[in-house]
Amino acid sequence: MLTAFIICGAAALAGGFIDAIAGGGGLLTVPALLVCGIPPHIALGTNKISAFLGTSVALANFASNGLVRWRLALCGVPFP
């Protein structure tokens, strides 16, 4: 049980680091969750929740720095 926590924790740390730089951290976290015995549907859901939270934090950071053009973003118009 402790081994599973260590494996999942290390994969989450490495996956978060990779997501912060280039994306694709799920390529580490999903297999680690599956190796630890998590059912596939739970592993994929866990990965999607972490991706959603990471994207939400990034959006909040950009918005607080005034880097989001809300008028364009809400209309779906690409940047000029």
PDB file of N, CA and C in Angstrom:
ATOM      1  N   MET A   1       0.821  -1.198   0.000  1.00  0.00           N
ATOM      2  CA  MET A   1       0.000   0.000   0.000  1.00  0.00           C
ATOM      3  C   MET A   1       0.865   1.262   0.000  1.00  0.00           C
ATOM      4  N   LEU A   2       1.886   1.266   0.830  1.00  0.00           N
ATOM      5  CA  LEU A   2       2.790   2.419   0.869  1.00  0.00           C
ATOM      6  C   LEU A   2       3.524   2.559  -0.455  1.00  0.00           C
ATOM      7  N   THR A   3       3.871   1.431  -1.059  1.00  0.00           N
ATOM      8  CA  THR A   3       4.556   1.464  -2.351  1.00  0.00           C
ATOM      9  C   THR A   3       3.671   2.118  -3.409  1.00  0.00           C
ATOM     10  N   ALA A   4       2.379   1.818  -3.392  1.00  0.00           N
ATOM     11  CA  ALA A   4       1.451   2.413  -4.359  1.00  0.00           C
ATOM     12  C   ALA A   4       1.379   3.929  -4.166  1.00  0.00           C
ATOM     13  N   PHE A   5       1.352   4.394  -2.920  1.00  0.00           N
ATOM     14  CA  PHE A   5       1.332   5.831  -2.660  1.00  0.00           C
ATOM     15  C   PHE A   5       2.616   6.494  -3.146  1.00  0.00           C
ATOM     16  N   ILE A   6       3.729   5.841  -2.948  1.00  0.00           N
ATOM     17  CA  ILE A   6       5.008   6.408  -3.384  1.00  0.00           C
ATOM     18  C   ILE A   6       5.063   6.474  -4.910  1.00  0.00           C
ATOM     19  N   ILE A   7       4.624   5.402  -5.575  1.00  0.00           N
ATOM     20  CA  ILE A   7       4.629   5.385  -7.046  1.00  0.00           C
ATOM     21  C   ILE A   7       3.697   6.465  -7.598  1.00  0.00           C
ATOM     22  N   CYS A   8       2.489   6.526  -7.066  1.00  0.00           N
ATOM     23  CA  CYS A   8       1.527   7.526  -7.552  1.00  0.00           C
ATOM     24  C   CYS A   8       1.980   8.948  -7.226  1.00  0.00           C
ATOM     25  N   GLY A   9       2.554   9.140  -6.059  1.00  0.00           N
ATOM     26  CA  GLY A   9       3.047  10.467  -5.689  1.00  0.00           C
ATOM     27  C   GLY A   9       4.196  10.925  -6.573  1.00  0.00           C
ATOM     28  N   ALA A  10       5.134  10.021  -6.841  1.00  0.00           N
ATOM     29  CA  ALA A  10       6.259  10.363  -7.708  1.00  0.00           C
ATOM     30  C   ALA A  10       5.781  10.639  -9.132  1.00  0.00           C
ATOM     31  N   ALA A  11       4.834   9.838  -9.621  1.00  0.00           N
ATOM     32  CA  ALA A  11       4.298  10.060 -10.964  1.00  0.00           C
ATOM     33  C   ALA A  11       3.530  11.378 -11.039  1.00  0.00           C
ATOM     34  N   ALA A  12       2.787  11.718  -9.993  1.00  0.00           N
ATOM     35  CA  ALA A  12       2.055  12.980  -9.970  1.00  0.00           C
ATOM     36  C   ALA A  12       3.011  14.163  -9.962  1.00  0.00           C
ATOM     37  N   LEU A  13       4.073  14.065  -9.195  1.00  0.00           N
ATOM     38  CA  LEU A  13       5.067  15.145  -9.153  1.00  0.00           C
ATOM     39  C   LEU A  13       5.739  15.307 -10.515  1.00  0.00           C
ATOM     40  N   ALA A  14       6.173  14.194 -11.111  1.00  0.00           N
ATOM     41  CA  ALA A  14       6.820  14.260 -12.419  1.00  0.00           C
ATOM     42  C   ALA A  14       5.833  14.714 -13.498  1.00  0.00           C
ATOM     43  N   GLY A  15       4.602  14.213 -13.444  1.00  0.00           N
ATOM     44  CA  GLY A  15       3.593  14.615 -14.420  1.00  0.00           C
ATOM     45  C   GLY A  15       3.250  16.093 -14.321  1.00  0.00           C
ATOM     46  N   GLY A  16       3.148  16.615 -13.115  1.00  0.00           N
ATOM     47  CA  GLY A  16       2.891  18.044 -12.927  1.00  0.00           C
ATOM     48  C   GLY A  16       4.022  18.899 -13.449  1.00  0.00           C
ATOM     49  N   PHE A  17       5.254  18.441 -13.224  1.00  0.00           N
ATOM     50  CA  PHE A  17       6.429  19.157 -13.729  1.00  0.00           C
ATOM     51  C   PHE A  17       6.420  19.177 -15.251  1.00  0.00           C
ATOM     52  N   ILE A  18       6.136  18.042 -15.860  1.00  0.00           N
ATOM     53  CA  ILE A  18       6.100  17.958 -17.317  1.00  0.00           C
ATOM     54  C   ILE A  18       4.950  18.800 -17.878  1.00  0.00           C
ATOM     55  N   ASP A  19       3.794  18.774 -17.221  1.00  0.00           N
ATOM     56  CA  ASP A  19       2.662  19.588 -17.671  1.00  0.00           C
ATOM     57  C   ASP A  19       2.986  21.079 -17.602  1.00  0.00           C
ATOM     58  N   ALA A  20       3.726  21.487 -16.585  1.00  0.00           N
ATOM     59  CA  ALA A  20       4.068  22.896 -16.438  1.00  0.00           C
ATOM     60  C   ALA A  20       5.005  23.364 -17.543  1.00  0.00           C
ATOM     61  N   ILE A  21       5.817  22.474 -18.067  1.00  0.00           N
ATOM     62  CA  ILE A  21       6.789  22.862 -19.092  1.00  0.00           C
ATOM     63  C   ILE A  21       6.222  22.692 -20.495  1.00  0.00           C
ATOM     64  N   ALA A  22       5.714  21.506 -20.795  1.00  0.00           N
ATOM     65  CA  ALA A  22       5.343  21.229 -22.181  1.00  0.00           C
ATOM     66  C   ALA A  22       3.988  20.559 -22.337  1.00  0.00           C
ATOM     67  N   GLY A  23       3.425  20.013 -21.292  1.00  0.00           N
ATOM     68  CA  GLY A  23       2.189  19.243 -21.409  1.00  0.00           C
ATOM     69  C   GLY A  23       2.490  17.775 -21.609  1.00  0.00           C
ATOM     70  N   GLY A  24       1.494  16.951 -21.432  1.00  0.00           N
ATOM     71  CA  GLY A  24       1.667  15.519 -21.623  1.00  0.00           C
ATOM     72  C   GLY A  24       1.983  14.760 -20.355  1.00  0.00           C
ATOM     73  N   GLY A  25       1.741  15.344 -19.208  1.00  0.00           N
ATOM     74  CA  GLY A  25       2.012  14.671 -17.943  1.00  0.00           C
ATOM     75  C   GLY A  25       1.127  13.458 -17.714  1.00  0.00           C
ATOM     76  N   GLY A  26      -0.012  13.420 -18.383  1.00  0.00           N
ATOM     77  CA  GLY A  26      -0.907  12.274 -18.273  1.00  0.00           C
ATOM     78  C   GLY A  26      -0.286  10.996 -18.809  1.00  0.00           C
ATOM     79  N   LEU A  27       0.719  11.144 -19.664  1.00  0.00           N
ATOM     80  CA  LEU A  27       1.422   9.964 -20.170  1.00  0.00           C
ATOM     81  C   LEU A  27       2.202   9.263 -19.069  1.00  0.00           C
ATOM     82  N   LEU A  28       2.457   9.959 -17.975  1.00  0.00           N
ATOM     83  CA  LEU A  28       3.103   9.339 -16.809  1.00  0.00           C
ATOM     84  C   LEU A  28       2.093   8.949 -15.739  1.00  0.00           C
ATOM     85  N   THR A  29       1.128   9.821 -15.494  1.00  0.00           N
ATOM     86  CA  THR A  29       0.231   9.591 -14.369  1.00  0.00           C
ATOM     87  C   THR A  29      -0.768   8.464 -14.608  1.00  0.00           C
ATOM     88  N   VAL A  30      -1.323   8.376 -15.814  1.00  0.00           N
ATOM     89  CA  VAL A  30      -2.325   7.334 -16.076  1.00  0.00           C
ATOM     90  C   VAL A  30      -1.721   5.934 -15.950  1.00  0.00           C
ATOM     91  N   PRO A  31      -0.576   5.645 -16.588  1.00  0.00           N
ATOM     92  CA  PRO A  31       0.008   4.311 -16.389  1.00  0.00           C
ATOM     93  C   PRO A  31       0.374   4.026 -14.931  1.00  0.00           C
ATOM     94  N   ALA A  32       0.832   5.045 -14.204  1.00  0.00           N
ATOM     95  CA  ALA A  32       1.169   4.841 -12.793  1.00  0.00           C
ATOM     96  C   ALA A  32      -0.076   4.486 -11.985  1.00  0.00           C
ATOM     97  N   LEU A  33      -1.186   5.146 -12.261  1.00  0.00           N
ATOM     98  CA  LEU A  33      -2.430   4.822 -11.565  1.00  0.00           C
ATOM     99  C   LEU A  33      -2.898   3.412 -11.903  1.00  0.00           C
ATOM    100  N   LEU A  34      -2.750   3.025 -13.164  1.00  0.00           N
ATOM    101  CA  LEU A  34      -3.147   1.676 -13.572  1.00  0.00           C
ATOM    102  C   LEU A  34      -2.269   0.615 -12.918  1.00  0.00           C
ATOM    103  N   VAL A  35      -0.968   0.882 -12.812  1.00  0.00           N
ATOM    104  CA  VAL A  35      -0.045  -0.064 -12.163  1.00  0.00           C
ATOM    105  C   VAL A  35      -0.403  -0.237 -10.694  1.00  0.00           C
ATOM    106  N   CYS A  36      -0.887   0.823 -10.073  1.00  0.00           N
ATOM    107  CA  CYS A  36      -1.239   0.766  -8.650  1.00  0.00           C
ATOM    108  C   CYS A  36      -2.593   0.106  -8.406  1.00  0.00           C
ATOM    109  N   GLY A  37      -3.272  -0.319  -9.459  1.00  0.00           N
ATOM    110  CA  GLY A  37      -4.516  -1.057  -9.285  1.00  0.00           C
ATOM    111  C   GLY A  37      -5.777  -0.230  -9.380  1.00  0.00           C
ATOM    112  N   ILE A  38      -5.673   1.013  -9.798  1.00  0.00           N
ATOM    113  CA  ILE A  38      -6.854   1.857  -9.962  1.00  0.00           C
ATOM    114  C   ILE A  38      -7.568   1.417 -11.243  1.00  0.00           C
ATOM    115  N   PRO A  39      -8.889   1.256 -11.231  1.00  0.00           N
ATOM    116  CA  PRO A  39      -9.605   0.882 -12.454  1.00  0.00           C
ATOM    117  C   PRO A  39      -9.422   1.939 -13.548  1.00  0.00           C
ATOM    118  N   PRO A  40      -9.427   1.532 -14.806  1.00  0.00           N
ATOM    119  CA  PRO A  40      -9.163   2.471 -15.903  1.00  0.00           C
ATOM    120  C   PRO A  40     -10.087   3.688 -15.935  1.00  0.00           C
ATOM    121  N   HIS A  41     -11.373   3.503 -15.675  1.00  0.00           N
ATOM    122  CA  HIS A  41     -12.284   4.651 -15.734  1.00  0.00           C
ATOM    123  C   HIS A  41     -11.997   5.664 -14.622  1.00  0.00           C
ATOM    124  N   ILE A  42     -11.566   5.191 -13.468  1.00  0.00           N
ATOM    125  CA  ILE A  42     -11.198   6.101 -12.379  1.00  0.00           C
ATOM    126  C   ILE A  42      -9.879   6.791 -12.694  1.00  0.00           C
ATOM    127  N   ALA A  43      -8.927   6.056 -13.270  1.00  0.00           N
ATOM    128  CA  ALA A  43      -7.624   6.638 -13.619  1.00  0.00           C
ATOM    129  C   ALA A  43      -7.786   7.750 -14.656  1.00  0.00           C
ATOM    130  N   LEU A  44      -8.611   7.515 -15.674  1.00  0.00           N
ATOM    131  CA  LEU A  44      -8.818   8.544 -16.695  1.00  0.00           C
ATOM    132  C   LEU A  44      -9.566   9.749 -16.127  1.00  0.00           C
ATOM    133  N   GLY A  45     -10.542   9.497 -15.261  1.00  0.00           N
ATOM    134  CA  GLY A  45     -11.258  10.601 -14.622  1.00  0.00           C
ATOM    135  C   GLY A  45     -10.353  11.428 -13.727  1.00  0.00           C
ATOM    136  N   THR A  46      -9.480  10.765 -12.999  1.00  0.00           N
ATOM    137  CA  THR A  46      -8.527  11.467 -12.140  1.00  0.00           C
ATOM    138  C   THR A  46      -7.601  12.336 -12.983  1.00  0.00           C
ATOM    139  N   ASN A  47      -7.163  11.812 -14.123  1.00  0.00           N
ATOM    140  CA  ASN A  47      -6.288  12.575 -15.007  1.00  0.00           C
ATOM    141  C   ASN A  47      -7.011  13.796 -15.566  1.00  0.00           C
ATOM    142  N   LYS A  48      -8.270  13.641 -15.930  1.00  0.00           N
ATOM    143  CA  LYS A  48      -9.021  14.772 -16.480  1.00  0.00           C
ATOM    144  C   LYS A  48      -9.276  15.843 -15.421  1.00  0.00           C
ATOM    145  N   ILE A  49      -9.530  15.423 -14.189  1.00  0.00           N
ATOM    146  CA  ILE A  49      -9.733  16.395 -13.115  1.00  0.00           C
ATOM    147  C   ILE A  49      -8.461  17.205 -12.882  1.00  0.00           C
ATOM    148  N   SER A  50      -7.312  16.534 -12.866  1.00  0.00           N
ATOM    149  CA  SER A  50      -6.054  17.257 -12.646  1.00  0.00           C
ATOM    150  C   SER A  50      -5.751  18.195 -13.810  1.00  0.00           C
ATOM    151  N   ALA A  51      -6.061  17.790 -15.037  1.00  0.00           N
ATOM    152  CA  ALA A  51      -5.852  18.661 -16.196  1.00  0.00           C
ATOM    153  C   ALA A  51      -6.761  19.885 -16.116  1.00  0.00           C
ATOM    154  N   PHE A  52      -8.014  19.672 -15.717  1.00  0.00           N
ATOM    155  CA  PHE A  52      -8.954  20.788 -15.574  1.00  0.00           C
ATOM    156  C   PHE A  52      -8.483  21.771 -14.505  1.00  0.00           C
ATOM    157  N   LEU A  53      -8.025  21.249 -13.375  1.00  0.00           N
ATOM    158  CA  LEU A  53      -7.559  22.131 -12.309  1.00  0.00           C
ATOM    159  C   LEU A  53      -6.313  22.903 -12.724  1.00  0.00           C
ATOM    160  N   GLY A  54      -5.402  22.244 -13.421  1.00  0.00           N
ATOM    161  CA  GLY A  54      -4.200  22.931 -13.899  1.00  0.00           C
ATOM    162  C   GLY A  54      -4.531  24.040 -14.881  1.00  0.00           C
ATOM    163  N   THR A  55      -5.462  23.776 -15.784  1.00  0.00           N
ATOM    164  CA  THR A  55      -5.883  24.785 -16.749  1.00  0.00           C
ATOM    165  C   THR A  55      -6.588  25.943 -16.049  1.00  0.00           C
ATOM    166  N   SER A  56      -7.396  25.635 -15.050  1.00  0.00           N
ATOM    167  CA  SER A  56      -8.103  26.684 -14.306  1.00  0.00           C
ATOM    168  C   SER A  56      -7.138  27.589 -13.557  1.00  0.00           C
ATOM    169  N   VAL A  57      -6.119  27.005 -12.956  1.00  0.00           N
ATOM    170  CA  VAL A  57      -5.121  27.806 -12.242  1.00  0.00           C
ATOM    171  C   VAL A  57      -4.343  28.683 -13.219  1.00  0.00           C
ATOM    172  N   ALA A  58      -3.991  28.131 -14.379  1.00  0.00           N
ATOM    173  CA  ALA A  58      -3.277  28.922 -15.387  1.00  0.00           C
ATOM    174  C   ALA A  58      -4.146  30.083 -15.876  1.00  0.00           C
ATOM    175  N   LEU A  59      -5.439  29.826 -16.132  1.00  0.00           N
ATOM    176  CA  LEU A  59      -6.342  30.885 -16.565  1.00  0.00           C
ATOM    177  C   LEU A  59      -6.460  31.969 -15.503  1.00  0.00           C
ATOM    178  N   ALA A  60      -6.605  31.572 -14.247  1.00  0.00           N
ATOM    179  CA  ALA A  60      -6.704  32.558 -13.160  1.00  0.00           C
ATOM    180  C   ALA A  60      -5.437  33.399 -13.084  1.00  0.00           C
ATOM    181  N   ASN A  61      -4.280  32.773 -13.284  1.00  0.00           N
ATOM    182  CA  ASN A  61      -3.019  33.508 -13.248  1.00  0.00           C
ATOM    183  C   ASN A  61      -2.936  34.512 -14.398  1.00  0.00           C
ATOM    184  N   PHE A  62      -3.281  34.074 -15.607  1.00  0.00           N
ATOM    185  CA  PHE A  62      -3.265  34.981 -16.747  1.00  0.00           C
ATOM    186  C   PHE A  62      -4.274  36.101 -16.560  1.00  0.00           C
ATOM    187  N   ALA A  63      -5.467  35.781 -16.083  1.00  0.00           N
ATOM    188  CA  ALA A  63      -6.513  36.792 -15.898  1.00  0.00           C
ATOM    189  C   ALA A  63      -6.122  37.809 -14.833  1.00  0.00           C
ATOM    190  N   SER A  64      -5.494  37.362 -13.754  1.00  0.00           N
ATOM    191  CA  SER A  64      -5.105  38.306 -12.699  1.00  0.00           C
ATOM    192  C   SER A  64      -3.987  39.237 -13.158  1.00  0.00           C
ATOM    193  N   ASN A  65      -3.226  38.821 -14.161  1.00  0.00           N
ATOM    194  CA  ASN A  65      -2.170  39.677 -14.713  1.00  0.00           C
ATOM    195  C   ASN A  65      -2.662  40.511 -15.894  1.00  0.00           C
ATOM    196  N   GLY A  66      -3.952  40.421 -16.205  1.00  0.00           N
ATOM    197  CA  GLY A  66      -4.538  41.219 -17.273  1.00  0.00           C
ATOM    198  C   GLY A  66      -4.157  40.751 -18.673  1.00  0.00           C
ATOM    199  N   LEU A  67      -3.813  39.497 -18.825  1.00  0.00           N
ATOM    200  CA  LEU A  67      -3.374  38.984 -20.117  1.00  0.00           C
ATOM    201  C   LEU A  67      -4.487  38.317 -20.926  1.00  0.00           C
ATOM    202  N   VAL A  68      -5.700  38.298 -20.391  1.00  0.00           N
ATOM    203  CA  VAL A  68      -6.818  37.675 -21.099  1.00  0.00           C
ATOM    204  C   VAL A  68      -7.689  38.782 -21.685  1.00  0.00           C
ATOM    205  N   ARG A  69      -7.924  38.712 -22.965  1.00  0.00           N
ATOM    206  CA  ARG A  69      -8.832  39.648 -23.628  1.00  0.00           C
ATOM    207  C   ARG A  69     -10.219  39.005 -23.613  1.00  0.00           C
ATOM    208  N   TRP A  70     -10.988  39.320 -22.572  1.00  0.00           N
ATOM    209  CA  TRP A  70     -12.261  38.645 -22.350  1.00  0.00           C
ATOM    210  C   TRP A  70     -13.226  38.837 -23.508  1.00  0.00           C
ATOM    211  N   ARG A  71     -13.231  40.015 -24.088  1.00  0.00           N
ATOM    212  CA  ARG A  71     -14.167  40.278 -25.191  1.00  0.00           C
ATOM    213  C   ARG A  71     -13.889  39.331 -26.363  1.00  0.00           C
ATOM    214  N   LEU A  72     -12.608  39.134 -26.666  1.00  0.00           N
ATOM    215  CA  LEU A  72     -12.261  38.214 -27.755  1.00  0.00           C
ATOM    216  C   LEU A  72     -12.424  36.759 -27.333  1.00  0.00           C
ATOM    217  N   ALA A  73     -12.073  36.467 -26.100  1.00  0.00           N
ATOM    218  CA  ALA A  73     -12.138  35.076 -25.635  1.00  0.00           C
ATOM    219  C   ALA A  73     -13.578  34.560 -25.587  1.00  0.00           C
ATOM    220  N   LEU A  74     -14.505  35.392 -25.161  1.00  0.00           N
ATOM    221  CA  LEU A  74     -15.885  34.958 -25.063  1.00  0.00           C
ATOM    222  C   LEU A  74     -16.550  34.828 -26.428  1.00  0.00           C
ATOM    223  N   CYS A  75     -16.069  35.563 -27.408  1.00  0.00           N
ATOM    224  CA  CYS A  75     -16.612  35.451 -28.772  1.00  0.00           C
ATOM    225  C   CYS A  75     -15.955  34.341 -29.553  1.00  0.00           C
ATOM    226  N   GLY A  76     -14.809  33.857 -29.100  1.00  0.00           N
ATOM    227  CA  GLY A  76     -14.110  32.804 -29.810  1.00  0.00           C
ATOM    228  C   GLY A  76     -13.286  33.305 -30.978  1.00  0.00           C
ATOM    229  N   VAL A  77     -12.965  34.596 -30.971  1.00  0.00           N
ATOM    230  CA  VAL A  77     -12.188  35.182 -32.051  1.00  0.00           C
ATOM    231  C   VAL A  77     -10.703  35.003 -31.743  1.00  0.00           C
ATOM    232  N   PRO A  78      -9.906  34.503 -32.683  1.00  0.00           N
ATOM    233  CA  PRO A  78      -8.478  34.345 -32.429  1.00  0.00           C
ATOM    234  C   PRO A  78      -7.787  35.698 -32.316  1.00  0.00           C
ATOM    235  N   PHE A  79      -6.604  35.687 -31.726  1.00  0.00           N
ATOM    236  CA  PHE A  79      -5.836  36.920 -31.582  1.00  0.00           C
ATOM    237  C   PHE A  79      -5.449  37.460 -32.950  1.00  0.00           C
ATOM    238  N   PRO A  80      -5.461  38.778 -33.104  1.00  0.00           N
ATOM    239  CA  PRO A  80      -5.072  39.375 -34.396  1.00  0.00           C
ATOM    240  C   PRO A  80      -3.586  39.258 -34.644  1.00  0.00           C
TER     241      PRO A  80
END
